[in-house]
Amino acid sequence: MLNTNLPHTETKTSLQITFCGTGKCKCPSIDINKDNDTIIIGGKDEGFTRFTKEQFQMLLKEAKEGTFDKYLKNN
């Protein structure tokens, strides 16, 4: 994990990370589990998005290749 300061829970089969620094806000999280074919991103207030592991791998590959970079950078 790159940022170990993020609130997270990890077991042998699962990882849950909340993307904030305090753990007290309503920030989105990710829930991934070896025993579940669905990866869940989001939160109660934001709503949830569900990806199959195949879809999530496609998303990660596109992100790593820089597909979204021009939309994230302040150029």
N, C-alpha and C. Protein backbone atom coordinates (compact mmCIF):
# COMPACT_ATOMS: atom_id res chain seq x y z
N MET A 1 0.84 -1.16 0.00
CA MET A 1 0.00 0.00 0.00
C MET A 1 0.89 1.23 0.00
N LEU A 2 0.63 2.16 -0.91
CA LEU A 2 1.45 3.37 -1.03
C LEU A 2 1.28 4.32 0.15
N ASN A 3 0.05 4.58 0.55
CA ASN A 3 -0.23 5.52 1.62
C ASN A 3 -0.81 4.77 2.82
N THR A 4 0.07 4.36 3.71
CA THR A 4 -0.38 3.58 4.86
C THR A 4 -1.09 4.43 5.90
N ASN A 5 -1.15 5.76 5.69
CA ASN A 5 -1.88 6.62 6.60
C ASN A 5 -3.38 6.60 6.35
N LEU A 6 -3.80 6.07 5.20
CA LEU A 6 -5.23 5.97 4.91
C LEU A 6 -5.87 4.95 5.85
N PRO A 7 -7.06 5.23 6.34
CA PRO A 7 -7.76 4.24 7.17
C PRO A 7 -8.00 2.98 6.34
N HIS A 8 -7.57 1.85 6.87
CA HIS A 8 -7.73 0.60 6.11
C HIS A 8 -7.79 -0.59 7.06
N THR A 9 -8.36 -1.66 6.52
CA THR A 9 -8.41 -2.94 7.21
C THR A 9 -7.99 -3.99 6.21
N GLU A 10 -7.00 -4.79 6.58
CA GLU A 10 -6.53 -5.84 5.67
C GLU A 10 -6.51 -7.17 6.41
N THR A 11 -7.01 -8.19 5.73
CA THR A 11 -6.95 -9.56 6.24
C THR A 11 -6.22 -10.40 5.19
N LYS A 12 -6.17 -11.68 5.39
CA LYS A 12 -5.53 -12.56 4.40
C LYS A 12 -6.29 -12.58 3.08
N THR A 13 -7.59 -12.30 3.12
CA THR A 13 -8.39 -12.41 1.90
C THR A 13 -9.04 -11.10 1.45
N SER A 14 -8.91 -10.02 2.24
CA SER A 14 -9.62 -8.80 1.85
C SER A 14 -8.84 -7.54 2.21
N LEU A 15 -9.22 -6.45 1.53
CA LEU A 15 -8.65 -5.15 1.81
C LEU A 15 -9.75 -4.11 1.67
N GLN A 16 -9.87 -3.26 2.67
CA GLN A 16 -10.81 -2.14 2.65
C GLN A 16 -10.01 -0.88 2.94
N ILE A 17 -10.11 0.11 2.04
CA ILE A 17 -9.39 1.37 2.20
C ILE A 17 -10.39 2.52 2.07
N THR A 18 -10.30 3.48 2.97
CA THR A 18 -11.10 4.71 2.88
C THR A 18 -10.16 5.80 2.41
N PHE A 19 -10.55 6.51 1.34
CA PHE A 19 -9.68 7.49 0.73
C PHE A 19 -9.83 8.87 1.36
N CYS A 20 -9.30 8.99 2.57
CA CYS A 20 -9.23 10.27 3.27
C CYS A 20 -8.11 10.16 4.29
N GLY A 21 -7.87 11.23 4.99
CA GLY A 21 -6.81 11.20 5.98
C GLY A 21 -7.28 11.05 7.40
N THR A 22 -8.56 11.31 7.65
CA THR A 22 -9.01 11.34 9.03
C THR A 22 -9.85 10.14 9.43
N GLY A 23 -10.56 9.56 8.47
CA GLY A 23 -11.45 8.46 8.80
C GLY A 23 -12.76 8.91 9.43
N LYS A 24 -12.94 10.22 9.59
CA LYS A 24 -14.15 10.76 10.22
C LYS A 24 -15.10 11.37 9.20
N CYS A 25 -14.67 11.48 7.96
CA CYS A 25 -15.53 12.11 6.95
C CYS A 25 -16.28 11.05 6.15
N LYS A 26 -17.02 11.49 5.17
CA LYS A 26 -17.81 10.58 4.35
C LYS A 26 -17.11 10.35 3.02
N CYS A 27 -15.91 9.86 3.08
CA CYS A 27 -15.09 9.66 1.89
C CYS A 27 -15.36 8.29 1.27
N PRO A 28 -15.15 8.18 -0.03
CA PRO A 28 -15.37 6.89 -0.68
C PRO A 28 -14.33 5.86 -0.24
N SER A 29 -14.71 4.62 -0.37
CA SER A 29 -13.81 3.54 0.01
C SER A 29 -13.85 2.46 -1.06
N ILE A 30 -12.93 1.53 -0.94
CA ILE A 30 -12.90 0.37 -1.83
C ILE A 30 -12.91 -0.88 -0.96
N ASP A 31 -13.64 -1.87 -1.41
CA ASP A 31 -13.75 -3.14 -0.70
C ASP A 31 -13.48 -4.24 -1.71
N ILE A 32 -12.34 -4.92 -1.54
CA ILE A 32 -11.95 -5.99 -2.45
C ILE A 32 -11.66 -7.24 -1.62
N ASN A 33 -12.11 -8.38 -2.12
CA ASN A 33 -12.02 -9.62 -1.38
C ASN A 33 -11.73 -10.77 -2.34
N LYS A 34 -10.78 -11.62 -1.99
CA LYS A 34 -10.44 -12.77 -2.84
C LYS A 34 -11.63 -13.70 -3.05
N ASP A 35 -12.52 -13.75 -2.08
CA ASP A 35 -13.64 -14.68 -2.13
C ASP A 35 -14.91 -14.09 -2.76
N ASN A 36 -14.82 -12.85 -3.28
CA ASN A 36 -15.97 -12.20 -3.87
C ASN A 36 -15.58 -11.72 -5.26
N ASP A 37 -16.40 -11.98 -6.26
CA ASP A 37 -16.10 -11.59 -7.63
C ASP A 37 -16.43 -10.12 -7.92
N THR A 38 -16.97 -9.41 -6.95
CA THR A 38 -17.36 -8.02 -7.13
C THR A 38 -16.51 -7.11 -6.25
N ILE A 39 -15.99 -6.04 -6.83
CA ILE A 39 -15.25 -5.02 -6.11
C ILE A 39 -16.20 -3.83 -5.95
N ILE A 40 -16.31 -3.33 -4.73
CA ILE A 40 -17.24 -2.24 -4.45
C ILE A 40 -16.46 -0.97 -4.14
N ILE A 41 -16.82 0.11 -4.83
CA ILE A 41 -16.23 1.41 -4.60
C ILE A 41 -17.35 2.38 -4.26
N GLY A 42 -17.15 3.19 -3.23
CA GLY A 42 -18.15 4.20 -2.89
C GLY A 42 -18.44 4.22 -1.41
N GLY A 43 -19.59 4.77 -1.11
CA GLY A 43 -20.01 4.87 0.28
C GLY A 43 -21.51 5.10 0.36
N LYS A 44 -22.02 5.00 1.54
CA LYS A 44 -23.46 5.12 1.77
C LYS A 44 -24.00 6.45 1.23
N ASP A 45 -23.28 7.53 1.49
CA ASP A 45 -23.75 8.85 1.06
C ASP A 45 -23.50 9.11 -0.43
N GLU A 46 -22.40 8.59 -0.95
CA GLU A 46 -22.04 8.83 -2.35
C GLU A 46 -22.72 7.86 -3.30
N GLY A 47 -23.11 6.73 -2.78
CA GLY A 47 -23.60 5.65 -3.62
C GLY A 47 -22.47 4.68 -3.90
N PHE A 48 -22.81 3.53 -4.44
CA PHE A 48 -21.84 2.47 -4.67
C PHE A 48 -21.72 2.15 -6.15
N THR A 49 -20.51 1.84 -6.56
CA THR A 49 -20.25 1.33 -7.90
C THR A 49 -19.65 -0.05 -7.73
N ARG A 50 -20.15 -0.98 -8.50
CA ARG A 50 -19.66 -2.35 -8.42
C ARG A 50 -19.00 -2.72 -9.73
N PHE A 51 -17.80 -3.30 -9.62
CA PHE A 51 -17.04 -3.78 -10.77
C PHE A 51 -16.82 -5.28 -10.62
N THR A 52 -16.86 -6.01 -11.72
CA THR A 52 -16.33 -7.37 -11.67
C THR A 52 -14.81 -7.23 -11.58
N LYS A 53 -14.14 -8.27 -11.18
CA LYS A 53 -12.68 -8.20 -11.11
C LYS A 53 -12.08 -7.94 -12.49
N GLU A 54 -12.67 -8.50 -13.53
CA GLU A 54 -12.20 -8.26 -14.89
C GLU A 54 -12.35 -6.79 -15.26
N GLN A 55 -13.51 -6.19 -14.96
CA GLN A 55 -13.73 -4.77 -15.25
C GLN A 55 -12.75 -3.89 -14.46
N PHE A 56 -12.52 -4.25 -13.21
CA PHE A 56 -11.61 -3.47 -12.37
C PHE A 56 -10.18 -3.55 -12.91
N GLN A 57 -9.77 -4.73 -13.37
CA GLN A 57 -8.45 -4.87 -13.97
C GLN A 57 -8.32 -4.01 -15.23
N MET A 58 -9.39 -3.93 -16.02
CA MET A 58 -9.39 -3.08 -17.20
C MET A 58 -9.23 -1.61 -16.80
N LEU A 59 -9.95 -1.19 -15.77
CA LEU A 59 -9.85 0.18 -15.27
C LEU A 59 -8.42 0.49 -14.80
N LEU A 60 -7.84 -0.42 -14.03
CA LEU A 60 -6.48 -0.21 -13.54
C LEU A 60 -5.49 -0.11 -14.69
N LYS A 61 -5.63 -0.97 -15.68
CA LYS A 61 -4.73 -0.95 -16.83
C LYS A 61 -4.81 0.39 -17.55
N GLU A 62 -6.02 0.88 -17.78
CA GLU A 62 -6.19 2.17 -18.45
C GLU A 62 -5.58 3.29 -17.61
N ALA A 63 -5.79 3.25 -16.29
CA ALA A 63 -5.23 4.28 -15.41
C ALA A 63 -3.70 4.24 -15.44
N LYS A 64 -3.13 3.05 -15.39
CA LYS A 64 -1.67 2.92 -15.42
C LYS A 64 -1.08 3.40 -16.74
N GLU A 65 -1.82 3.22 -17.81
CA GLU A 65 -1.36 3.64 -19.14
C GLU A 65 -1.51 5.15 -19.36
N GLY A 66 -2.15 5.84 -18.42
CA GLY A 66 -2.27 7.28 -18.51
C GLY A 66 -3.50 7.77 -19.25
N THR A 67 -4.45 6.90 -19.50
CA THR A 67 -5.66 7.26 -20.24
C THR A 67 -6.39 8.46 -19.65
N PHE A 68 -6.39 8.59 -18.33
CA PHE A 68 -7.17 9.63 -17.67
C PHE A 68 -6.33 10.84 -17.26
N ASP A 69 -5.02 10.78 -17.48
CA ASP A 69 -4.12 11.82 -16.97
C ASP A 69 -4.51 13.22 -17.42
N LYS A 70 -4.89 13.39 -18.68
CA LYS A 70 -5.18 14.74 -19.15
C LYS A 70 -6.41 15.34 -18.48
N TYR A 71 -7.23 14.51 -17.89
CA TYR A 71 -8.42 15.00 -17.19
C TYR A 71 -8.14 15.30 -15.72
N LEU A 72 -7.01 14.83 -15.22
CA LEU A 72 -6.66 15.02 -13.81
C LEU A 72 -5.67 16.14 -13.59
N LYS A 73 -4.85 16.41 -14.56
CA LYS A 73 -3.79 17.41 -14.42
C LYS A 73 -4.32 18.80 -14.72
N ASN A 74 -3.79 19.77 -14.02
CA ASN A 74 -4.15 21.17 -14.24
C ASN A 74 -3.18 21.79 -15.25
N ASN A 75 -3.39 21.50 -16.50
CA ASN A 75 -2.50 22.03 -17.55
C ASN A 75 -3.00 23.34 -18.07
